[in-house]
Amino acid sequence: MQTVSISILNPNFRYTPAMHTNLHEAFERIRREQDMQKPPLVLPCSSEQTALVLN
């Protein structure tokens, strides 16, 4: 994932006051996006025909 930073001197920069943000929602969204990028964890079981997959 590539991050693009915008300078505050750029006329397209829009300041958002802290009272108009929701950090809880932002961090939940970031966690969801990171979880979607992770490959599932596959754990072998005692039988070769079965595996436990954790998402």
N, C-alpha and C. Protein backbone atom coordinates (compact mmCIF):
# COMPACT_ATOMS: atom_id res chain seq x y z
N MET A 1 0.84 -1.17 0.00
CA MET A 1 0.00 0.00 0.00
C MET A 1 0.89 1.24 0.00
N GLN A 2 0.63 2.16 -0.89
CA GLN A 2 1.43 3.36 -0.99
C GLN A 2 0.69 4.51 -0.32
N THR A 3 1.40 5.26 0.48
CA THR A 3 0.82 6.40 1.17
C THR A 3 1.24 7.68 0.48
N VAL A 4 0.28 8.54 0.22
CA VAL A 4 0.55 9.82 -0.40
C VAL A 4 0.38 10.89 0.65
N SER A 5 1.40 11.68 0.89
CA SER A 5 1.28 12.75 1.86
C SER A 5 0.99 14.06 1.12
N ILE A 6 0.15 14.86 1.73
CA ILE A 6 -0.23 16.14 1.16
C ILE A 6 0.31 17.24 2.07
N SER A 7 0.99 18.17 1.51
CA SER A 7 1.53 19.27 2.28
C SER A 7 0.40 20.21 2.70
N ILE A 8 0.55 20.79 3.87
CA ILE A 8 -0.47 21.77 4.29
C ILE A 8 -0.39 23.04 3.46
N LEU A 9 0.69 23.18 2.70
CA LEU A 9 0.81 24.34 1.82
C LEU A 9 0.10 24.11 0.48
N ASN A 10 -0.28 22.86 0.22
CA ASN A 10 -1.01 22.53 -1.01
C ASN A 10 -2.42 23.10 -0.91
N PRO A 11 -2.90 23.80 -1.93
CA PRO A 11 -4.25 24.38 -1.87
C PRO A 11 -5.36 23.32 -1.77
N ASN A 12 -5.05 22.07 -2.13
CA ASN A 12 -6.06 21.00 -2.04
C ASN A 12 -6.14 20.39 -0.63
N PHE A 13 -5.25 20.78 0.26
CA PHE A 13 -5.26 20.27 1.62
C PHE A 13 -6.47 20.81 2.37
N ARG A 14 -7.18 19.89 3.02
CA ARG A 14 -8.35 20.29 3.82
C ARG A 14 -8.11 19.89 5.26
N TYR A 15 -8.08 20.86 6.14
CA TYR A 15 -7.89 20.61 7.57
C TYR A 15 -9.20 20.11 8.16
N THR A 16 -9.12 19.07 8.98
CA THR A 16 -10.29 18.55 9.66
C THR A 16 -10.07 18.72 11.17
N PRO A 17 -10.89 19.54 11.81
CA PRO A 17 -10.73 19.71 13.25
C PRO A 17 -10.95 18.38 13.99
N ALA A 18 -10.25 18.21 15.11
CA ALA A 18 -10.33 16.97 15.87
C ALA A 18 -11.76 16.64 16.28
N MET A 19 -12.56 17.65 16.57
CA MET A 19 -13.94 17.38 17.00
C MET A 19 -14.80 16.80 15.87
N HIS A 20 -14.32 16.86 14.64
CA HIS A 20 -15.05 16.31 13.50
C HIS A 20 -14.48 14.99 13.01
N THR A 21 -13.63 14.38 13.83
CA THR A 21 -13.05 13.09 13.47
C THR A 21 -13.54 12.03 14.45
N ASN A 22 -13.44 10.80 14.04
CA ASN A 22 -13.80 9.69 14.91
C ASN A 22 -12.65 8.68 14.83
N LEU A 23 -11.71 8.79 15.75
CA LEU A 23 -10.54 7.92 15.72
C LEU A 23 -10.90 6.46 15.87
N HIS A 24 -11.93 6.18 16.66
CA HIS A 24 -12.35 4.78 16.84
C HIS A 24 -12.74 4.17 15.50
N GLU A 25 -13.53 4.87 14.72
CA GLU A 25 -13.94 4.38 13.40
C GLU A 25 -12.73 4.24 12.47
N ALA A 26 -11.84 5.21 12.52
CA ALA A 26 -10.66 5.18 11.64
C ALA A 26 -9.79 3.96 11.95
N PHE A 27 -9.54 3.69 13.23
CA PHE A 27 -8.70 2.55 13.59
C PHE A 27 -9.40 1.23 13.30
N GLU A 28 -10.71 1.16 13.47
CA GLU A 28 -11.45 -0.05 13.12
C GLU A 28 -11.35 -0.33 11.62
N ARG A 29 -11.45 0.72 10.80
CA ARG A 29 -11.34 0.57 9.35
C ARG A 29 -9.94 0.08 8.98
N ILE A 30 -8.93 0.66 9.61
CA ILE A 30 -7.55 0.25 9.32
C ILE A 30 -7.34 -1.21 9.71
N ARG A 31 -7.87 -1.63 10.87
CA ARG A 31 -7.73 -3.03 11.29
C ARG A 31 -8.42 -3.97 10.31
N ARG A 32 -9.61 -3.59 9.85
CA ARG A 32 -10.32 -4.43 8.87
C ARG A 32 -9.51 -4.56 7.59
N GLU A 33 -8.96 -3.45 7.09
CA GLU A 33 -8.17 -3.48 5.87
C GLU A 33 -6.92 -4.35 6.04
N GLN A 34 -6.27 -4.25 7.20
CA GLN A 34 -5.08 -5.07 7.44
C GLN A 34 -5.45 -6.54 7.56
N ASP A 35 -6.57 -6.84 8.20
CA ASP A 35 -7.00 -8.24 8.33
C ASP A 35 -7.32 -8.86 6.97
N MET A 36 -7.85 -8.06 6.05
CA MET A 36 -8.19 -8.57 4.72
C MET A 36 -6.93 -8.87 3.93
N GLN A 37 -5.82 -8.21 4.24
CA GLN A 37 -4.57 -8.41 3.50
C GLN A 37 -3.79 -9.61 4.01
N LYS A 38 -4.07 -10.06 5.23
CA LYS A 38 -3.35 -11.19 5.81
C LYS A 38 -3.82 -12.50 5.18
N PRO A 39 -2.89 -13.38 4.86
CA PRO A 39 -3.32 -14.71 4.40
C PRO A 39 -3.86 -15.49 5.60
N PRO A 40 -4.81 -16.39 5.37
CA PRO A 40 -5.36 -17.17 6.49
C PRO A 40 -4.27 -18.05 7.11
N LEU A 41 -4.38 -18.26 8.40
CA LEU A 41 -3.44 -19.11 9.12
C LEU A 41 -3.93 -20.54 9.06
N VAL A 42 -3.11 -21.43 8.51
CA VAL A 42 -3.49 -22.84 8.38
C VAL A 42 -2.64 -23.64 9.35
N LEU A 43 -3.31 -24.34 10.27
CA LEU A 43 -2.62 -25.16 11.25
C LEU A 43 -2.85 -26.62 10.93
N PRO A 44 -1.79 -27.40 10.81
CA PRO A 44 -1.98 -28.83 10.54
C PRO A 44 -2.56 -29.53 11.76
N CYS A 45 -3.42 -30.50 11.50
CA CYS A 45 -3.99 -31.32 12.56
C CYS A 45 -3.30 -32.68 12.55
N SER A 46 -3.73 -33.56 13.44
CA SER A 46 -3.09 -34.87 13.53
C SER A 46 -3.35 -35.71 12.28
N SER A 47 -4.48 -35.49 11.62
CA SER A 47 -4.79 -36.23 10.40
C SER A 47 -4.31 -35.43 9.20
N GLU A 48 -3.73 -36.08 8.22
CA GLU A 48 -3.23 -35.37 7.03
C GLU A 48 -4.37 -34.87 6.15
N GLN A 49 -5.56 -35.40 6.34
CA GLN A 49 -6.69 -35.00 5.51
C GLN A 49 -7.40 -33.76 6.05
N THR A 50 -7.04 -33.32 7.23
CA THR A 50 -7.75 -32.23 7.85
C THR A 50 -6.76 -31.12 8.23
N ALA A 51 -7.20 -29.90 8.11
CA ALA A 51 -6.41 -28.76 8.55
C ALA A 51 -7.34 -27.75 9.18
N LEU A 52 -6.85 -27.03 10.14
CA LEU A 52 -7.62 -25.99 10.80
C LEU A 52 -7.24 -24.66 10.18
N VAL A 53 -8.23 -23.93 9.65
CA VAL A 53 -7.97 -22.66 9.01
C VAL A 53 -8.55 -21.56 9.89
N LEU A 54 -7.71 -20.60 10.28
CA LEU A 54 -8.13 -19.49 11.11
C LEU A 54 -8.05 -18.21 10.30
N ASN A 55 -9.13 -17.45 10.26
CA ASN A 55 -9.13 -16.17 9.55
C ASN A 55 -9.01 -15.04 10.53
